Amino acid sequence: MTSTLIHIVSAPTPEPEPLELAMALAAFDLPVTLLFSGAGVLWLKQDLKALFEGGKAPSRIIKALPMYDCEELYVCETSLARFGLQDNKPAFVAPVSAEAARDLVVASQHCLRF
């Protein structure tokens, strides 16, 4: 079975495509890992609301990921500290060093960067 890494490096957008892609892959029993780094860590703010009226709140989608067996969620510690989000992220998202983050990218068979 192939492994897919969704590497989120950009700040939240009005449409949460990277998160929806992770849910879709997991719904079809395809293993998926998410890695948040750079401005991508802003997706993890627990109080992040929808970015437009009627939109989907990224914080709610992230909370639902474990229900879809999408449990491999990682965040780069350096980026987390840079944006001051150490205490404002879901507990199930594991902090990793920059070196471990690079290892995740290298080990994946498919890497999609948003």
PDB file of N, CA and C in Angstrom:
ATOM      1  N   MET A   1       0.841  -1.171   0.000  1.00  0.00           N
ATOM      2  CA  MET A   1       0.000   0.000   0.000  1.00  0.00           C
ATOM      3  C   MET A   1       0.892   1.242   0.000  1.00  0.00           C
ATOM      4  N   THR A   2       0.485   2.252  -0.701  1.00  0.00           N
ATOM      5  CA  THR A   2       1.294   3.463  -0.804  1.00  0.00           C
ATOM      6  C   THR A   2       1.005   4.396   0.366  1.00  0.00           C
ATOM      7  N   SER A   3       1.961   5.260   0.639  1.00  0.00           N
ATOM      8  CA  SER A   3       1.768   6.255   1.693  1.00  0.00           C
ATOM      9  C   SER A   3       1.744   7.639   1.071  1.00  0.00           C
ATOM     10  N   THR A   4       0.834   8.456   1.552  1.00  0.00           N
ATOM     11  CA  THR A   4       0.692   9.814   1.054  1.00  0.00           C
ATOM     12  C   THR A   4       0.900  10.781   2.197  1.00  0.00           C
ATOM     13  N   LEU A   5       1.727  11.783   1.957  1.00  0.00           N
ATOM     14  CA  LEU A   5       1.955  12.846   2.926  1.00  0.00           C
ATOM     15  C   LEU A   5       1.345  14.119   2.363  1.00  0.00           C
ATOM     16  N   ILE A   6       0.510  14.758   3.150  1.00  0.00           N
ATOM     17  CA  ILE A   6      -0.012  16.064   2.795  1.00  0.00           C
ATOM     18  C   ILE A   6       0.752  17.057   3.659  1.00  0.00           C
ATOM     19  N   HIS A   7       1.610  17.853   3.004  1.00  0.00           N
ATOM     20  CA  HIS A   7       2.477  18.808   3.698  1.00  0.00           C
ATOM     21  C   HIS A   7       1.865  20.188   3.532  1.00  0.00           C
ATOM     22  N   ILE A   8       1.348  20.727   4.607  1.00  0.00           N
ATOM     23  CA  ILE A   8       0.667  22.020   4.567  1.00  0.00           C
ATOM     24  C   ILE A   8       1.638  23.098   5.051  1.00  0.00           C
ATOM     25  N   VAL A   9       2.032  23.979   4.136  1.00  0.00           N
ATOM     26  CA  VAL A   9       3.019  25.020   4.433  1.00  0.00           C
ATOM     27  C   VAL A   9       2.455  26.429   4.280  1.00  0.00           C
ATOM     28  N   SER A  10       1.253  26.564   3.762  1.00  0.00           N
ATOM     29  CA  SER A  10       0.644  27.877   3.519  1.00  0.00           C
ATOM     30  C   SER A  10      -0.417  28.173   4.570  1.00  0.00           C
ATOM     31  N   ALA A  11      -0.630  29.451   4.805  1.00  0.00           N
ATOM     32  CA  ALA A  11      -1.657  29.894   5.750  1.00  0.00           C
ATOM     33  C   ALA A  11      -3.032  29.421   5.296  1.00  0.00           C
ATOM     34  N   PRO A  12      -3.977  29.341   6.223  1.00  0.00           N
ATOM     35  CA  PRO A  12      -5.334  28.896   5.870  1.00  0.00           C
ATOM     36  C   PRO A  12      -5.939  29.707   4.731  1.00  0.00           C
ATOM     37  N   THR A  13      -6.677  29.007   3.898  1.00  0.00           N
ATOM     38  CA  THR A  13      -7.376  29.610   2.762  1.00  0.00           C
ATOM     39  C   THR A  13      -8.877  29.464   3.005  1.00  0.00           C
ATOM     40  N   PRO A  14      -9.707  30.201   2.268  1.00  0.00           N
ATOM     41  CA  PRO A  14     -11.155  30.080   2.475  1.00  0.00           C
ATOM     42  C   PRO A  14     -11.688  28.654   2.281  1.00  0.00           C
ATOM     43  N   GLU A  15     -11.097  27.898   1.403  1.00  0.00           N
ATOM     44  CA  GLU A  15     -11.528  26.516   1.187  1.00  0.00           C
ATOM     45  C   GLU A  15     -10.477  25.571   1.767  1.00  0.00           C
ATOM     46  N   PRO A  16     -10.878  24.668   2.649  1.00  0.00           N
ATOM     47  CA  PRO A  16      -9.912  23.777   3.305  1.00  0.00           C
ATOM     48  C   PRO A  16      -9.587  22.519   2.496  1.00  0.00           C
ATOM     49  N   GLU A  17      -9.165  22.692   1.246  1.00  0.00           N
ATOM     50  CA  GLU A  17      -8.897  21.549   0.369  1.00  0.00           C
ATOM     51  C   GLU A  17      -7.915  20.525   0.938  1.00  0.00           C
ATOM     52  N   PRO A  18      -6.797  20.952   1.552  1.00  0.00           N
ATOM     53  CA  PRO A  18      -5.863  19.927   2.043  1.00  0.00           C
ATOM     54  C   PRO A  18      -6.489  19.023   3.101  1.00  0.00           C
ATOM     55  N   LEU A  19      -7.317  19.600   3.953  1.00  0.00           N
ATOM     56  CA  LEU A  19      -7.962  18.808   5.000  1.00  0.00           C
ATOM     57  C   LEU A  19      -9.029  17.884   4.412  1.00  0.00           C
ATOM     58  N   GLU A  20      -9.775  18.393   3.453  1.00  0.00           N
ATOM     59  CA  GLU A  20     -10.792  17.573   2.800  1.00  0.00           C
ATOM     60  C   GLU A  20     -10.160  16.433   2.011  1.00  0.00           C
ATOM     61  N   LEU A  21      -9.012  16.688   1.405  1.00  0.00           N
ATOM     62  CA  LEU A  21      -8.303  15.631   0.686  1.00  0.00           C
ATOM     63  C   LEU A  21      -7.876  14.529   1.647  1.00  0.00           C
ATOM     64  N   ALA A  22      -7.366  14.913   2.806  1.00  0.00           N
ATOM     65  CA  ALA A  22      -6.969  13.919   3.806  1.00  0.00           C
ATOM     66  C   ALA A  22      -8.155  13.061   4.221  1.00  0.00           C
ATOM     67  N   MET A  23      -9.294  13.689   4.438  1.00  0.00           N
ATOM     68  CA  MET A  23     -10.494  12.942   4.825  1.00  0.00           C
ATOM     69  C   MET A  23     -10.938  12.000   3.712  1.00  0.00           C
ATOM     70  N   ALA A  24     -10.860  12.460   2.481  1.00  0.00           N
ATOM     71  CA  ALA A  24     -11.272  11.621   1.349  1.00  0.00           C
ATOM     72  C   ALA A  24     -10.354  10.412   1.208  1.00  0.00           C
ATOM     73  N   LEU A  25      -9.054  10.615   1.319  1.00  0.00           N
ATOM     74  CA  LEU A  25      -8.124   9.492   1.227  1.00  0.00           C
ATOM     75  C   LEU A  25      -8.379   8.487   2.342  1.00  0.00           C
ATOM     76  N   ALA A  26      -8.536   8.998   3.560  1.00  0.00           N
ATOM     77  CA  ALA A  26      -8.778   8.117   4.697  1.00  0.00           C
ATOM     78  C   ALA A  26     -10.105   7.372   4.563  1.00  0.00           C
ATOM     79  N   ALA A  27     -11.117   8.021   3.996  1.00  0.00           N
ATOM     80  CA  ALA A  27     -12.426   7.378   3.817  1.00  0.00           C
ATOM     81  C   ALA A  27     -12.336   6.172   2.887  1.00  0.00           C
ATOM     82  N   PHE A  28     -11.350   6.182   1.997  1.00  0.00           N
ATOM     83  CA  PHE A  28     -11.144   5.053   1.084  1.00  0.00           C
ATOM     84  C   PHE A  28     -10.009   4.143   1.560  1.00  0.00           C
ATOM     85  N   ASP A  29      -9.736   4.198   2.869  1.00  0.00           N
ATOM     86  CA  ASP A  29      -8.724   3.346   3.503  1.00  0.00           C
ATOM     87  C   ASP A  29      -7.338   3.503   2.903  1.00  0.00           C
ATOM     88  N   LEU A  30      -7.017   4.687   2.428  1.00  0.00           N
ATOM     89  CA  LEU A  30      -5.678   4.979   1.928  1.00  0.00           C
ATOM     90  C   LEU A  30      -4.915   5.693   3.038  1.00  0.00           C
ATOM     91  N   PRO A  31      -3.769   5.169   3.425  1.00  0.00           N
ATOM     92  CA  PRO A  31      -3.035   5.804   4.528  1.00  0.00           C
ATOM     93  C   PRO A  31      -2.562   7.203   4.155  1.00  0.00           C
ATOM     94  N   VAL A  32      -2.800   8.127   5.062  1.00  0.00           N
ATOM     95  CA  VAL A  32      -2.424   9.516   4.829  1.00  0.00           C
ATOM     96  C   VAL A  32      -1.822  10.091   6.108  1.00  0.00           C
ATOM     97  N   THR A  33      -0.795  10.892   5.920  1.00  0.00           N
ATOM     98  CA  THR A  33      -0.131  11.586   7.012  1.00  0.00           C
ATOM     99  C   THR A  33      -0.188  13.071   6.702  1.00  0.00           C
ATOM    100  N   LEU A  34      -0.420  13.881   7.714  1.00  0.00           N
ATOM    101  CA  LEU A  34      -0.405  15.331   7.542  1.00  0.00           C
ATOM    102  C   LEU A  34       0.760  15.912   8.310  1.00  0.00           C
ATOM    103  N   LEU A  35       1.439  16.851   7.675  1.00  0.00           N
ATOM    104  CA  LEU A  35       2.548  17.568   8.293  1.00  0.00           C
ATOM    105  C   LEU A  35       2.292  19.055   8.104  1.00  0.00           C
ATOM    106  N   PHE A  36       2.274  19.790   9.202  1.00  0.00           N
ATOM    107  CA  PHE A  36       2.075  21.231   9.177  1.00  0.00           C
ATOM    108  C   PHE A  36       3.406  21.908   9.486  1.00  0.00           C
ATOM    109  N   SER A  37       3.823  22.836   8.632  1.00  0.00           N
ATOM    110  CA  SER A  37       5.044  23.594   8.892  1.00  0.00           C
ATOM    111  C   SER A  37       4.913  24.979   8.281  1.00  0.00           C
ATOM    112  N   GLY A  38       5.860  25.862   8.610  1.00  0.00           N
ATOM    113  CA  GLY A  38       5.764  27.234   8.113  1.00  0.00           C
ATOM    114  C   GLY A  38       4.438  27.850   8.535  1.00  0.00           C
ATOM    115  N   ALA A  39       3.874  28.674   7.679  1.00  0.00           N
ATOM    116  CA  ALA A  39       2.583  29.307   7.975  1.00  0.00           C
ATOM    117  C   ALA A  39       1.451  28.291   8.029  1.00  0.00           C
ATOM    118  N   GLY A  40       1.712  27.069   7.585  1.00  0.00           N
ATOM    119  CA  GLY A  40       0.707  26.007   7.643  1.00  0.00           C
ATOM    120  C   GLY A  40       0.275  25.661   9.053  1.00  0.00           C
ATOM    121  N   VAL A  41       1.101  25.989  10.052  1.00  0.00           N
ATOM    122  CA  VAL A  41       0.714  25.696  11.433  1.00  0.00           C
ATOM    123  C   VAL A  41      -0.502  26.508  11.857  1.00  0.00           C
ATOM    124  N   LEU A  42      -0.792  27.600  11.154  1.00  0.00           N
ATOM    125  CA  LEU A  42      -1.955  28.422  11.493  1.00  0.00           C
ATOM    126  C   LEU A  42      -3.269  27.666  11.297  1.00  0.00           C
ATOM    127  N   TRP A  43      -3.254  26.599  10.485  1.00  0.00           N
ATOM    128  CA  TRP A  43      -4.438  25.751  10.319  1.00  0.00           C
ATOM    129  C   TRP A  43      -4.809  25.087  11.647  1.00  0.00           C
ATOM    130  N   LEU A  44      -3.848  24.941  12.551  1.00  0.00           N
ATOM    131  CA  LEU A  44      -4.063  24.198  13.788  1.00  0.00           C
ATOM    132  C   LEU A  44      -4.668  25.018  14.917  1.00  0.00           C
ATOM    133  N   LYS A  45      -4.848  26.313  14.716  1.00  0.00           N
ATOM    134  CA  LYS A  45      -5.455  27.126  15.774  1.00  0.00           C
ATOM    135  C   LYS A  45      -6.811  26.530  16.124  1.00  0.00           C
ATOM    136  N   GLN A  46      -6.988  26.229  17.403  1.00  0.00           N
ATOM    137  CA  GLN A  46      -8.207  25.533  17.821  1.00  0.00           C
ATOM    138  C   GLN A  46      -9.464  26.380  17.680  1.00  0.00           C
ATOM    139  N   ASP A  47      -9.307  27.675  17.624  1.00  0.00           N
ATOM    140  CA  ASP A  47     -10.473  28.551  17.499  1.00  0.00           C
ATOM    141  C   ASP A  47     -10.628  29.111  16.078  1.00  0.00           C
ATOM    142  N   LEU A  48      -9.986  28.483  15.104  1.00  0.00           N
ATOM    143  CA  LEU A  48     -10.034  28.973  13.728  1.00  0.00           C
ATOM    144  C   LEU A  48     -11.426  28.748  13.134  1.00  0.00           C
ATOM    145  N   LYS A  49     -12.054  29.827  12.799  1.00  0.00           N
ATOM    146  CA  LYS A  49     -13.409  29.793  12.249  1.00  0.00           C
ATOM    147  C   LYS A  49     -13.348  29.721  10.726  1.00  0.00           C
ATOM    148  N   ALA A  50     -14.506  29.520  10.122  1.00  0.00           N
ATOM    149  CA  ALA A  50     -14.606  29.551   8.664  1.00  0.00           C
ATOM    150  C   ALA A  50     -14.146  30.925   8.179  1.00  0.00           C
ATOM    151  N   LEU A  51     -13.479  30.944   7.051  1.00  0.00           N
ATOM    152  CA  LEU A  51     -12.924  32.197   6.558  1.00  0.00           C
ATOM    153  C   LEU A  51     -13.910  32.999   5.708  1.00  0.00           C
ATOM    154  N   PHE A  52     -15.106  32.464   5.506  1.00  0.00           N
ATOM    155  CA  PHE A  52     -16.173  33.225   4.870  1.00  0.00           C
ATOM    156  C   PHE A  52     -17.504  32.651   5.338  1.00  0.00           C
ATOM    157  N   GLU A  53     -18.547  33.442   5.251  1.00  0.00           N
ATOM    158  CA  GLU A  53     -19.860  33.018   5.718  1.00  0.00           C
ATOM    159  C   GLU A  53     -20.327  31.776   4.956  1.00  0.00           C
ATOM    160  N   GLY A  54     -20.742  30.789   5.692  1.00  0.00           N
ATOM    161  CA  GLY A  54     -21.195  29.540   5.077  1.00  0.00           C
ATOM    162  C   GLY A  54     -20.065  28.569   4.792  1.00  0.00           C
ATOM    163  N   GLY A  55     -18.835  28.967   5.070  1.00  0.00           N
ATOM    164  CA  GLY A  55     -17.679  28.105   4.826  1.00  0.00           C
ATOM    165  C   GLY A  55     -17.482  27.093   5.940  1.00  0.00           C
ATOM    166  N   LYS A  56     -16.506  26.232   5.753  1.00  0.00           N
ATOM    167  CA  LYS A  56     -16.205  25.188   6.724  1.00  0.00           C
ATOM    168  C   LYS A  56     -15.092  25.666   7.652  1.00  0.00           C
ATOM    169  N   ALA A  57     -15.266  25.436   8.939  1.00  0.00           N
ATOM    170  CA  ALA A  57     -14.259  25.828   9.922  1.00  0.00           C
ATOM    171  C   ALA A  57     -13.150  24.784   9.941  1.00  0.00           C
ATOM    172  N   PRO A  58     -11.918  25.177   9.596  1.00  0.00           N
ATOM    173  CA  PRO A  58     -10.813  24.211   9.611  1.00  0.00           C
ATOM    174  C   PRO A  58     -10.634  23.520  10.950  1.00  0.00           C
ATOM    175  N   SER A  59     -10.868  24.227  12.044  1.00  0.00           N
ATOM    176  CA  SER A  59     -10.686  23.610  13.361  1.00  0.00           C
ATOM    177  C   SER A  59     -11.629  22.425  13.553  1.00  0.00           C
ATOM    178  N   ARG A  60     -12.827  22.507  13.031  1.00  0.00           N
ATOM    179  CA  ARG A  60     -13.781  21.386  13.142  1.00  0.00           C
ATOM    180  C   ARG A  60     -13.366  20.208  12.268  1.00  0.00           C
ATOM    181  N   ILE A  61     -12.847  20.499  11.095  1.00  0.00           N
ATOM    182  CA  ILE A  61     -12.400  19.422  10.213  1.00  0.00           C
ATOM    183  C   ILE A  61     -11.215  18.694  10.850  1.00  0.00           C
ATOM    184  N   ILE A  62     -10.285  19.448  11.403  1.00  0.00           N
ATOM    185  CA  ILE A  62      -9.114  18.831  12.030  1.00  0.00           C
ATOM    186  C   ILE A  62      -9.544  17.952  13.205  1.00  0.00           C
ATOM    187  N   LYS A  63     -10.497  18.415  13.993  1.00  0.00           N
ATOM    188  CA  LYS A  63     -10.995  17.613  15.117  1.00  0.00           C
ATOM    189  C   LYS A  63     -11.630  16.307  14.636  1.00  0.00           C
ATOM    190  N   ALA A  64     -12.190  16.314  13.431  1.00  0.00           N
ATOM    191  CA  ALA A  64     -12.866  15.121  12.902  1.00  0.00           C
ATOM    192  C   ALA A  64     -11.903  14.124  12.262  1.00  0.00           C
ATOM    193  N   LEU A  65     -10.687  14.522  11.946  1.00  0.00           N
ATOM    194  CA  LEU A  65      -9.758  13.635  11.236  1.00  0.00           C
ATOM    195  C   LEU A  65      -9.548  12.291  11.931  1.00  0.00           C
ATOM    196  N   PRO A  66      -9.362  12.233  13.257  1.00  0.00           N
ATOM    197  CA  PRO A  66      -9.190  10.920  13.887  1.00  0.00           C
ATOM    198  C   PRO A  66     -10.388   9.978  13.700  1.00  0.00           C
ATOM    199  N   MET A  67     -11.590  10.523  13.530  1.00  0.00           N
ATOM    200  CA  MET A  67     -12.767   9.677  13.290  1.00  0.00           C
ATOM    201  C   MET A  67     -12.687   9.000  11.923  1.00  0.00           C
ATOM    202  N   TYR A  68     -11.873   9.537  11.031  1.00  0.00           N
ATOM    203  CA  TYR A  68     -11.664   8.960   9.707  1.00  0.00           C
ATOM    204  C   TYR A  68     -10.396   8.109   9.665  1.00  0.00           C
ATOM    205  N   ASP A  69      -9.891   7.727  10.826  1.00  0.00           N
ATOM    206  CA  ASP A  69      -8.648   6.963  10.951  1.00  0.00           C
ATOM    207  C   ASP A  69      -7.460   7.723  10.377  1.00  0.00           C
ATOM    208  N   CYS A  70      -7.544   9.009  10.364  1.00  0.00           N
ATOM    209  CA  CYS A  70      -6.431   9.859   9.941  1.00  0.00           C
ATOM    210  C   CYS A  70      -5.784  10.366  11.224  1.00  0.00           C
ATOM    211  N   GLU A  71      -4.864   9.564  11.742  1.00  0.00           N
ATOM    212  CA  GLU A  71      -4.316   9.833  13.064  1.00  0.00           C
ATOM    213  C   GLU A  71      -2.850  10.251  13.048  1.00  0.00           C
ATOM    214  N   GLU A  72      -2.226  10.246  11.899  1.00  0.00           N
ATOM    215  CA  GLU A  72      -0.822  10.639  11.815  1.00  0.00           C
ATOM    216  C   GLU A  72      -0.748  12.111  11.416  1.00  0.00           C
ATOM    217  N   LEU A  73      -0.812  12.967  12.419  1.00  0.00           N
ATOM    218  CA  LEU A  73      -0.738  14.409  12.221  1.00  0.00           C
ATOM    219  C   LEU A  73       0.467  14.929  12.981  1.00  0.00           C
ATOM    220  N   TYR A  74       1.313  15.668  12.274  1.00  0.00           N
ATOM    221  CA  TYR A  74       2.548  16.175  12.855  1.00  0.00           C
ATOM    222  C   TYR A  74       2.677  17.661  12.575  1.00  0.00           C
ATOM    223  N   VAL A  75       3.394  18.345  13.451  1.00  0.00           N
ATOM    224  CA  VAL A  75       3.659  19.766  13.278  1.00  0.00           C
ATOM    225  C   VAL A  75       5.126  20.020  13.602  1.00  0.00           C
ATOM    226  N   CYS A  76       5.750  20.830  12.793  1.00  0.00           N
ATOM    227  CA  CYS A  76       7.154  21.183  12.993  1.00  0.00           C
ATOM    228  C   CYS A  76       7.265  22.078  14.235  1.00  0.00           C
ATOM    229  N   GLU A  77       8.075  21.653  15.201  1.00  0.00           N
ATOM    230  CA  GLU A  77       8.229  22.400  16.455  1.00  0.00           C
ATOM    231  C   GLU A  77       8.731  23.816  16.220  1.00  0.00           C
ATOM    232  N   THR A  78       9.650  23.980  15.285  1.00  0.00           N
ATOM    233  CA  THR A  78      10.212  25.299  15.002  1.00  0.00           C
ATOM    234  C   THR A  78       9.128  26.256  14.526  1.00  0.00           C
ATOM    235  N   SER A  79       8.282  25.792  13.620  1.00  0.00           N
ATOM    236  CA  SER A  79       7.196  26.634  13.105  1.00  0.00           C
ATOM    237  C   SER A  79       6.170  26.913  14.189  1.00  0.00           C
ATOM    238  N   LEU A  80       5.891  25.919  14.989  1.00  0.00           N
ATOM    239  CA  LEU A  80       4.928  26.073  16.078  1.00  0.00           C
ATOM    240  C   LEU A  80       5.379  27.181  17.028  1.00  0.00           C
ATOM    241  N   ALA A  81       6.668  27.172  17.372  1.00  0.00           N
ATOM    242  CA  ALA A  81       7.211  28.198  18.266  1.00  0.00           C
ATOM    243  C   ALA A  81       7.215  29.568  17.596  1.00  0.00           C
ATOM    244  N   ARG A  82       7.562  29.606  16.304  1.00  0.00           N
ATOM    245  CA  ARG A  82       7.628  30.885  15.586  1.00  0.00           C
ATOM    246  C   ARG A  82       6.270  31.590  15.585  1.00  0.00           C
ATOM    247  N   PHE A  83       5.184  30.822  15.487  1.00  0.00           N
ATOM    248  CA  PHE A  83       3.853  31.419  15.454  1.00  0.00           C
ATOM    249  C   PHE A  83       3.177  31.413  16.832  1.00  0.00           C
ATOM    250  N   GLY A  84       3.888  30.954  17.868  1.00  0.00           N
ATOM    251  CA  GLY A  84       3.366  30.993  19.227  1.00  0.00           C
ATOM    252  C   GLY A  84       2.145  30.130  19.462  1.00  0.00           C
ATOM    253  N   LEU A  85       2.086  28.987  18.815  1.00  0.00           N
ATOM    254  CA  LEU A  85       0.894  28.135  18.925  1.00  0.00           C
ATOM    255  C   LEU A  85       1.118  26.875  19.761  1.00  0.00           C
ATOM    256  N   GLN A  86       2.144  26.852  20.574  1.00  0.00           N
ATOM    257  CA  GLN A  86       2.420  25.655  21.357  1.00  0.00           C
ATOM    258  C   GLN A  86       1.220  25.238  22.212  1.00  0.00           C
ATOM    259  N   ASP A  87       0.471  26.205  22.732  1.00  0.00           N
ATOM    260  CA  ASP A  87      -0.663  25.908  23.604  1.00  0.00           C
ATOM    261  C   ASP A  87      -2.008  26.037  22.896  1.00  0.00           C
ATOM    262  N   ASN A  88      -2.006  26.249  21.598  1.00  0.00           N
ATOM    263  CA  ASN A  88      -3.262  26.450  20.866  1.00  0.00           C
ATOM    264  C   ASN A  88      -3.329  25.521  19.665  1.00  0.00           C
ATOM    265  N   LYS A  89      -3.093  24.233  19.908  1.00  0.00           N
ATOM    266  CA  LYS A  89      -3.194  23.227  18.858  1.00  0.00           C
ATOM    267  C   LYS A  89      -3.871  22.003  19.442  1.00  0.00           C
ATOM    268  N   PRO A  90      -4.484  21.180  18.611  1.00  0.00           N
ATOM    269  CA  PRO A  90      -5.094  19.951  19.131  1.00  0.00           C
ATOM    270  C   PRO A  90      -4.033  19.045  19.763  1.00  0.00           C
ATOM    271  N   ALA A  91      -4.385  18.417  20.861  1.00  0.00           N
ATOM    272  CA  ALA A  91      -3.439  17.569  21.597  1.00  0.00           C
ATOM    273  C   ALA A  91      -2.961  16.375  20.783  1.00  0.00           C
ATOM    274  N   PHE A  92      -3.773  15.915  19.836  1.00  0.00           N
ATOM    275  CA  PHE A  92      -3.400  14.723  19.068  1.00  0.00           C
ATOM    276  C   PHE A  92      -2.443  15.014  17.911  1.00  0.00           C
ATOM    277  N   VAL A  93      -2.084  16.262  17.693  1.00  0.00           N
ATOM    278  CA  VAL A  93      -1.103  16.620  16.667  1.00  0.00           C
ATOM    279  C   VAL A  93       0.273  16.608  17.330  1.00  0.00           C
ATOM    280  N   ALA A  94       1.144  15.717  16.862  1.00  0.00           N
ATOM    281  CA  ALA A  94       2.442  15.506  17.497  1.00  0.00           C
ATOM    282  C   ALA A  94       3.500  16.472  16.971  1.00  0.00           C
ATOM    283  N   PRO A  95       4.176  17.196  17.865  1.00  0.00           N
ATOM    284  CA  PRO A  95       5.282  18.050  17.444  1.00  0.00           C
ATOM    285  C   PRO A  95       6.494  17.191  17.051  1.00  0.00           C
ATOM    286  N   VAL A  96       7.176  17.582  15.975  1.00  0.00           N
ATOM    287  CA  VAL A  96       8.388  16.887  15.532  1.00  0.00           C
ATOM    288  C   VAL A  96       9.458  17.926  15.221  1.00  0.00           C
ATOM    289  N   SER A  97      10.704  17.502  15.300  1.00  0.00           N
ATOM    290  CA  SER A  97      11.815  18.390  14.970  1.00  0.00           C
ATOM    291  C   SER A  97      11.827  18.646  13.462  1.00  0.00           C
ATOM    292  N   ALA A  98      12.569  19.656  13.057  1.00  0.00           N
ATOM    293  CA  ALA A  98      12.693  19.951  11.624  1.00  0.00           C
ATOM    294  C   ALA A  98      13.307  18.762  10.889  1.00  0.00           C
ATOM    295  N   GLU A  99      14.251  18.096  11.532  1.00  0.00           N
ATOM    296  CA  GLU A  99      14.875  16.918  10.917  1.00  0.00           C
ATOM    297  C   GLU A  99      13.872  15.779  10.746  1.00  0.00           C
ATOM    298  N   ALA A 100      13.057  15.540  11.754  1.00  0.00           N
ATOM    299  CA  ALA A 100      12.034  14.495  11.655  1.00  0.00           C
ATOM    300  C   ALA A 100      10.991  14.849  10.590  1.00  0.00           C
ATOM    301  N   ALA A 101      10.681  16.145  10.454  1.00  0.00           N
ATOM    302  CA  ALA A 101       9.750  16.579   9.412  1.00  0.00           C
ATOM    303  C   ALA A 101      10.315  16.261   8.026  1.00  0.00           C
ATOM    304  N   ARG A 102      11.611  16.527   7.835  1.00  0.00           N
ATOM    305  CA  ARG A 102      12.245  16.194   6.552  1.00  0.00           C
ATOM    306  C   ARG A 102      12.203  14.689   6.307  1.00  0.00           C
ATOM    307  N   ASP A 103      12.418  13.912   7.357  1.00  0.00           N
ATOM    308  CA  ASP A 103      12.372  12.456   7.230  1.00  0.00           C
ATOM    309  C   ASP A 103      10.990  11.970   6.795  1.00  0.00           C
ATOM    310  N   LEU A 104       9.940  12.618   7.286  1.00  0.00           N
ATOM    311  CA  LEU A 104       8.580  12.254   6.874  1.00  0.00           C
ATOM    312  C   LEU A 104       8.395  12.479   5.375  1.00  0.00           C
ATOM    313  N   VAL A 105       8.903  13.607   4.889  1.00  0.00           N
ATOM    314  CA  VAL A 105       8.791  13.912   3.465  1.00  0.00           C
ATOM    315  C   VAL A 105       9.542  12.884   2.638  1.00  0.00           C
ATOM    316  N   VAL A 106      10.751  12.565   3.047  1.00  0.00           N
ATOM    317  CA  VAL A 106      11.589  11.620   2.303  1.00  0.00           C
ATOM    318  C   VAL A 106      10.981  10.215   2.313  1.00  0.00           C
ATOM    319  N   ALA A 107      10.387   9.812   3.428  1.00  0.00           N
ATOM    320  CA  ALA A 107       9.850   8.460   3.568  1.00  0.00           C
ATOM    321  C   ALA A 107       8.534   8.244   2.843  1.00  0.00           C
ATOM    322  N   SER A 108       7.832   9.320   2.489  1.00  0.00           N
ATOM    323  CA  SER A 108       6.532   9.158   1.841  1.00  0.00           C
ATOM    324  C   SER A 108       6.697   8.794   0.365  1.00  0.00           C
ATOM    325  N   GLN A 109       5.756   8.009  -0.144  1.00  0.00           N
ATOM    326  CA  GLN A 109       5.786   7.660  -1.555  1.00  0.00           C
ATOM    327  C   GLN A 109       5.198   8.777  -2.409  1.00  0.00           C
ATOM    328  N   HIS A 110       4.222   9.473  -1.844  1.00  0.00           N
ATOM    329  CA  HIS A 110       3.593  10.614  -2.515  1.00  0.00           C
ATOM    330  C   HIS A 110       3.558  11.767  -1.536  1.00  0.00           C
ATOM    331  N   CYS A 111       3.969  12.944  -1.992  1.00  0.00           N
ATOM    332  CA  CYS A 111       3.950  14.124  -1.135  1.00  0.00           C
ATOM    333  C   CYS A 111       3.214  15.237  -1.878  1.00  0.00           C
ATOM    334  N   LEU A 112       2.132  15.697  -1.283  1.00  0.00           N
ATOM    335  CA  LEU A 112       1.342  16.796  -1.847  1.00  0.00           C
ATOM    336  C   LEU A 112       1.544  17.996  -0.947  1.00  0.00           C
ATOM    337  N   ARG A 113       1.998  19.087  -1.533  1.00  0.00           N
ATOM    338  CA  ARG A 113       2.313  20.282  -0.741  1.00  0.00           C
ATOM    339  C   ARG A 113       1.315  21.385  -1.051  1.00  0.00           C
ATOM    340  N   PHE A 114       0.738  21.914   0.005  1.00  0.00           N
ATOM    341  CA  PHE A 114      -0.248  22.995  -0.121  1.00  0.00           C
ATOM    342  C   PHE A 114       0.270  24.230   0.559  1.00  0.00           C
TER     343      PHE A 114
END
